[in-house]
N, C-alpha and C. Protein backbone atom coordinates (compact mmCIF):
# COMPACT_ATOMS: atom_id res chain seq x y z
N MET A 1 -21.79 34.78 -50.64
CA MET A 1 -21.46 33.65 -49.77
C MET A 1 -22.59 32.65 -49.77
N THR A 2 -22.23 31.41 -49.74
CA THR A 2 -23.22 30.36 -49.59
C THR A 2 -23.29 29.98 -48.13
N GLY A 3 -24.23 29.17 -47.75
CA GLY A 3 -24.37 28.75 -46.36
C GLY A 3 -23.46 27.60 -46.00
N ALA A 4 -22.58 27.17 -46.89
CA ALA A 4 -21.71 26.03 -46.64
C ALA A 4 -20.59 26.42 -45.68
N PRO A 5 -20.14 25.48 -44.84
CA PRO A 5 -19.04 25.80 -43.92
C PRO A 5 -17.74 26.00 -44.68
N ALA A 6 -16.87 26.80 -44.13
CA ALA A 6 -15.56 27.04 -44.74
C ALA A 6 -14.75 25.75 -44.74
N ALA A 7 -13.73 25.72 -45.58
CA ALA A 7 -12.90 24.51 -45.70
C ALA A 7 -12.25 24.14 -44.38
N THR A 8 -11.91 25.14 -43.57
CA THR A 8 -11.25 24.85 -42.29
C THR A 8 -12.22 24.30 -41.26
N GLU A 9 -13.53 24.52 -41.45
CA GLU A 9 -14.52 24.06 -40.50
C GLU A 9 -15.04 22.67 -40.83
N ARG A 10 -14.78 22.18 -42.04
CA ARG A 10 -15.27 20.87 -42.42
C ARG A 10 -14.53 19.78 -41.67
N ALA A 11 -15.22 18.68 -41.48
CA ALA A 11 -14.60 17.53 -40.81
C ALA A 11 -13.48 16.98 -41.68
N ARG A 12 -12.34 16.75 -41.09
CA ARG A 12 -11.20 16.18 -41.81
C ARG A 12 -10.94 14.79 -41.27
N PRO A 13 -10.55 13.86 -42.14
CA PRO A 13 -10.24 12.51 -41.65
C PRO A 13 -9.08 12.56 -40.66
N GLY A 14 -9.25 11.88 -39.54
CA GLY A 14 -8.18 11.82 -38.54
C GLY A 14 -8.10 13.05 -37.64
N TYR A 15 -8.96 14.04 -37.85
CA TYR A 15 -8.90 15.27 -37.05
C TYR A 15 -9.18 15.00 -35.58
N ASN A 16 -10.12 14.13 -35.27
CA ASN A 16 -10.45 13.81 -33.89
C ASN A 16 -9.70 12.57 -33.41
N GLY A 17 -8.54 12.33 -33.94
CA GLY A 17 -7.75 11.17 -33.60
C GLY A 17 -6.94 11.37 -32.34
N PRO A 18 -5.77 10.76 -32.26
CA PRO A 18 -4.96 10.77 -31.05
C PRO A 18 -4.50 12.16 -30.61
N MET A 19 -4.34 13.10 -31.52
CA MET A 19 -3.87 14.44 -31.14
C MET A 19 -4.88 15.17 -30.28
N SER A 20 -6.18 14.93 -30.48
CA SER A 20 -7.18 15.68 -29.73
C SER A 20 -7.12 15.34 -28.24
N ASP A 21 -6.69 14.15 -27.86
CA ASP A 21 -6.58 13.78 -26.45
C ASP A 21 -5.53 14.62 -25.72
N ALA A 22 -4.52 15.08 -26.43
CA ALA A 22 -3.45 15.85 -25.82
C ALA A 22 -3.94 17.23 -25.37
N TYR A 23 -5.06 17.70 -25.91
CA TYR A 23 -5.53 19.05 -25.61
C TYR A 23 -6.80 19.07 -24.78
N ARG A 24 -7.13 17.99 -24.13
CA ARG A 24 -8.36 17.95 -23.34
C ARG A 24 -8.22 18.72 -22.02
N GLU A 25 -7.07 18.67 -21.39
CA GLU A 25 -6.85 19.33 -20.10
C GLU A 25 -5.69 20.31 -20.23
N PHE A 26 -5.90 21.53 -19.79
CA PHE A 26 -4.85 22.53 -19.75
C PHE A 26 -4.57 22.90 -18.30
N GLU A 27 -3.33 23.16 -17.98
CA GLU A 27 -2.93 23.64 -16.67
C GLU A 27 -2.29 25.02 -16.85
N ALA A 28 -2.78 26.00 -16.12
CA ALA A 28 -2.23 27.35 -16.22
C ALA A 28 -0.91 27.43 -15.47
N GLU A 29 0.08 28.01 -16.10
CA GLU A 29 1.36 28.26 -15.44
C GLU A 29 1.46 29.70 -14.99
N SER A 30 0.88 30.61 -15.77
CA SER A 30 0.86 32.02 -15.38
C SER A 30 -0.43 32.66 -15.89
N LEU A 31 -0.95 33.58 -15.10
CA LEU A 31 -2.17 34.30 -15.43
C LEU A 31 -1.98 35.76 -15.03
N PHE A 32 -2.85 36.63 -15.54
CA PHE A 32 -2.77 38.04 -15.20
C PHE A 32 -3.33 38.27 -13.80
N CYS A 33 -2.57 38.98 -12.97
CA CYS A 33 -3.01 39.34 -11.62
C CYS A 33 -3.32 40.84 -11.62
N ALA A 34 -4.56 41.20 -11.26
CA ALA A 34 -4.96 42.61 -11.24
C ALA A 34 -4.24 43.38 -10.13
N THR A 35 -3.89 42.71 -9.03
CA THR A 35 -3.18 43.37 -7.94
C THR A 35 -1.74 43.69 -8.33
N CYS A 36 -1.05 42.71 -8.92
CA CYS A 36 0.34 42.90 -9.34
C CYS A 36 0.44 43.63 -10.68
N ARG A 37 -0.67 43.68 -11.43
CA ARG A 37 -0.77 44.35 -12.73
C ARG A 37 0.17 43.78 -13.77
N ARG A 38 0.34 42.44 -13.73
CA ARG A 38 1.16 41.76 -14.73
C ARG A 38 0.86 40.26 -14.69
N ALA A 39 1.35 39.55 -15.67
CA ALA A 39 1.21 38.09 -15.68
C ALA A 39 2.19 37.51 -14.67
N VAL A 40 1.69 36.62 -13.82
CA VAL A 40 2.51 36.06 -12.74
C VAL A 40 2.34 34.54 -12.70
N PRO A 41 3.31 33.82 -12.14
CA PRO A 41 3.13 32.38 -11.93
C PRO A 41 2.00 32.15 -10.93
N VAL A 42 1.29 31.05 -11.09
CA VAL A 42 0.15 30.76 -10.22
C VAL A 42 0.29 29.40 -9.56
N ARG A 43 -0.40 29.24 -8.43
CA ARG A 43 -0.52 27.96 -7.74
C ARG A 43 -1.94 27.47 -7.92
N LYS A 44 -2.09 26.17 -8.07
CA LYS A 44 -3.41 25.56 -8.22
C LYS A 44 -3.81 24.97 -6.88
N LYS A 45 -4.95 25.44 -6.31
CA LYS A 45 -5.43 24.96 -5.03
C LYS A 45 -6.76 24.22 -5.24
N LEU A 46 -6.90 23.07 -4.60
CA LEU A 46 -8.15 22.32 -4.65
C LEU A 46 -9.15 22.99 -3.71
N LEU A 47 -10.30 23.40 -4.25
CA LEU A 47 -11.33 24.04 -3.43
C LEU A 47 -12.40 23.05 -3.00
N LEU A 48 -12.97 22.33 -3.95
CA LEU A 48 -14.08 21.43 -3.67
C LEU A 48 -13.93 20.12 -4.43
N VAL A 49 -14.39 19.03 -3.82
CA VAL A 49 -14.51 17.76 -4.51
C VAL A 49 -16.00 17.56 -4.75
N LEU A 50 -16.41 17.68 -6.00
CA LEU A 50 -17.82 17.63 -6.38
C LEU A 50 -18.16 16.32 -7.07
N PRO A 51 -19.44 15.93 -7.11
CA PRO A 51 -19.82 14.71 -7.84
C PRO A 51 -19.49 14.78 -9.33
N THR A 52 -19.45 15.98 -9.88
CA THR A 52 -19.16 16.14 -11.31
C THR A 52 -17.69 16.34 -11.60
N GLY A 53 -16.87 16.56 -10.60
CA GLY A 53 -15.44 16.79 -10.79
C GLY A 53 -14.89 17.68 -9.69
N ASN A 54 -13.63 18.04 -9.78
CA ASN A 54 -12.99 18.86 -8.76
C ASN A 54 -12.95 20.32 -9.20
N LYS A 55 -13.13 21.23 -8.23
CA LYS A 55 -13.04 22.66 -8.51
C LYS A 55 -11.72 23.16 -7.94
N TYR A 56 -10.94 23.82 -8.78
CA TYR A 56 -9.64 24.36 -8.40
C TYR A 56 -9.65 25.88 -8.49
N ASP A 57 -8.80 26.52 -7.72
CA ASP A 57 -8.62 27.95 -7.74
C ASP A 57 -7.16 28.22 -8.06
N TYR A 58 -6.90 29.15 -8.97
CA TYR A 58 -5.54 29.57 -9.26
C TYR A 58 -5.27 30.86 -8.50
N VAL A 59 -4.18 30.89 -7.72
CA VAL A 59 -3.83 32.09 -6.95
C VAL A 59 -2.43 32.56 -7.35
N CYS A 60 -2.26 33.87 -7.28
CA CYS A 60 -0.98 34.51 -7.61
C CYS A 60 0.08 34.07 -6.60
N GLN A 61 1.25 33.66 -7.08
CA GLN A 61 2.33 33.27 -6.18
C GLN A 61 2.96 34.46 -5.49
N GLN A 62 2.79 35.66 -6.06
CA GLN A 62 3.40 36.85 -5.48
C GLN A 62 2.58 37.41 -4.31
N CYS A 63 1.26 37.58 -4.52
CA CYS A 63 0.44 38.25 -3.50
C CYS A 63 -0.69 37.39 -2.94
N GLY A 64 -0.97 36.23 -3.53
CA GLY A 64 -2.00 35.34 -3.03
C GLY A 64 -3.41 35.66 -3.49
N THR A 65 -3.57 36.61 -4.40
CA THR A 65 -4.89 36.97 -4.91
C THR A 65 -5.42 35.88 -5.85
N PRO A 66 -6.69 35.48 -5.70
CA PRO A 66 -7.26 34.53 -6.67
C PRO A 66 -7.32 35.17 -8.05
N VAL A 67 -6.80 34.48 -9.06
CA VAL A 67 -6.75 35.04 -10.41
C VAL A 67 -7.50 34.19 -11.43
N GLY A 68 -8.03 33.06 -11.03
CA GLY A 68 -8.78 32.22 -11.97
C GLY A 68 -9.23 30.95 -11.31
N GLY A 69 -9.93 30.14 -12.08
CA GLY A 69 -10.43 28.88 -11.55
C GLY A 69 -10.59 27.86 -12.65
N LYS A 70 -10.85 26.64 -12.23
CA LYS A 70 -10.99 25.54 -13.17
C LYS A 70 -11.83 24.45 -12.52
N VAL A 71 -12.67 23.80 -13.32
CA VAL A 71 -13.42 22.63 -12.87
C VAL A 71 -13.07 21.50 -13.83
N ASP A 72 -12.45 20.44 -13.31
CA ASP A 72 -12.20 19.30 -14.18
C ASP A 72 -13.42 18.38 -14.10
N ARG A 73 -13.61 17.57 -15.10
CA ARG A 73 -14.80 16.74 -15.19
C ARG A 73 -14.51 15.28 -14.88
N ASP A 74 -13.59 15.03 -13.94
CA ASP A 74 -13.24 13.67 -13.56
C ASP A 74 -13.79 13.38 -12.16
N PRO A 75 -14.87 12.60 -12.05
CA PRO A 75 -15.50 12.37 -10.75
C PRO A 75 -14.85 11.27 -9.91
N THR A 76 -13.69 10.75 -10.29
CA THR A 76 -13.09 9.64 -9.54
C THR A 76 -12.70 10.04 -8.12
N ALA A 77 -12.22 11.26 -7.91
CA ALA A 77 -11.84 11.71 -6.57
C ALA A 77 -13.06 11.76 -5.66
N PHE A 78 -14.21 12.16 -6.20
CA PHE A 78 -15.43 12.20 -5.40
C PHE A 78 -15.84 10.79 -5.00
N ARG A 79 -15.76 9.85 -5.93
CA ARG A 79 -16.13 8.47 -5.62
C ARG A 79 -15.22 7.89 -4.55
N GLU A 80 -13.91 8.16 -4.64
CA GLU A 80 -12.97 7.66 -3.64
C GLU A 80 -13.25 8.28 -2.27
N THR A 81 -13.54 9.58 -2.24
CA THR A 81 -13.84 10.26 -0.99
C THR A 81 -15.15 9.74 -0.39
N ALA A 82 -16.16 9.56 -1.24
CA ALA A 82 -17.44 9.05 -0.76
C ALA A 82 -17.30 7.62 -0.23
N ARG A 83 -16.50 6.81 -0.90
CA ARG A 83 -16.27 5.43 -0.46
C ARG A 83 -15.57 5.41 0.90
N ALA A 84 -14.58 6.27 1.09
CA ALA A 84 -13.85 6.34 2.36
C ALA A 84 -14.75 6.86 3.48
N ALA A 85 -15.61 7.83 3.18
CA ALA A 85 -16.52 8.36 4.19
C ALA A 85 -17.54 7.31 4.60
N THR A 86 -18.02 6.54 3.64
CA THR A 86 -18.98 5.48 3.95
C THR A 86 -18.34 4.42 4.84
N ALA A 87 -17.10 4.06 4.53
CA ALA A 87 -16.40 3.05 5.32
C ALA A 87 -16.13 3.55 6.74
N ALA A 88 -15.83 4.83 6.88
CA ALA A 88 -15.56 5.39 8.21
C ALA A 88 -16.83 5.51 9.04
N ALA A 89 -17.96 5.71 8.39
CA ALA A 89 -19.22 5.87 9.11
C ALA A 89 -19.89 4.53 9.42
N ARG A 90 -19.41 3.46 8.84
CA ARG A 90 -20.01 2.14 9.05
C ARG A 90 -19.83 1.72 10.51
N PRO A 91 -20.91 1.29 11.18
CA PRO A 91 -20.77 0.90 12.59
C PRO A 91 -19.92 -0.36 12.74
N ARG A 92 -19.16 -0.39 13.80
CA ARG A 92 -18.31 -1.56 14.08
C ARG A 92 -19.16 -2.65 14.71
N PRO A 93 -18.91 -3.90 14.38
CA PRO A 93 -19.68 -4.99 14.97
C PRO A 93 -19.41 -5.09 16.47
N PRO A 94 -20.40 -5.57 17.25
CA PRO A 94 -20.18 -5.70 18.69
C PRO A 94 -19.04 -6.67 18.98
N GLY A 95 -18.25 -6.35 19.98
CA GLY A 95 -17.13 -7.21 20.36
C GLY A 95 -15.90 -7.01 19.50
N ALA A 96 -15.91 -6.01 18.62
CA ALA A 96 -14.76 -5.79 17.75
C ALA A 96 -13.64 -5.06 18.49
N GLY A 97 -13.91 -4.62 19.70
CA GLY A 97 -12.87 -3.94 20.46
C GLY A 97 -12.97 -2.44 20.30
N PRO A 98 -12.08 -1.72 20.95
CA PRO A 98 -12.14 -0.25 20.88
C PRO A 98 -11.70 0.23 19.50
N THR A 99 -12.16 1.41 19.17
CA THR A 99 -11.77 2.03 17.91
C THR A 99 -10.30 2.42 18.00
N PRO A 100 -9.50 2.03 17.02
CA PRO A 100 -8.08 2.38 17.09
C PRO A 100 -7.88 3.89 16.98
N GLY A 101 -7.04 4.43 17.83
CA GLY A 101 -6.75 5.85 17.82
C GLY A 101 -5.56 6.13 16.93
N PRO A 102 -5.14 7.38 16.89
CA PRO A 102 -3.97 7.72 16.07
C PRO A 102 -2.71 7.08 16.63
N ARG A 103 -1.83 6.71 15.75
CA ARG A 103 -0.57 6.11 16.18
C ARG A 103 0.34 7.17 16.80
N ARG A 104 1.03 6.77 17.82
CA ARG A 104 2.00 7.68 18.45
C ARG A 104 3.38 7.31 18.00
N ARG A 105 4.14 8.34 17.71
CA ARG A 105 5.52 8.12 17.31
C ARG A 105 6.36 8.05 18.56
N GLY A 106 7.27 7.11 18.60
CA GLY A 106 8.05 7.01 19.81
C GLY A 106 9.43 6.58 19.66
């Protein structure tokens, strides 16, 4: 054997083209649950909104046991949350009136 990469490992023209975008994010539909002892459908729950992206937990739909996790690398949700928190914490100017409370349905 020589130290050269195999033919399948060499860069191919168009290999990193439009098709590679389709495989950047995967969503699990079913995973193995140790409690149920079989592959089961899962629910994706948002755990944390981080500066680097969101952290999700996959839980078994049958028994609720956590069976996996995922961190996406899209920080836009963190920026939106941080922007909303900053706006909510901003002091109101004097004479602006009382802070509006929750709306009542009637």
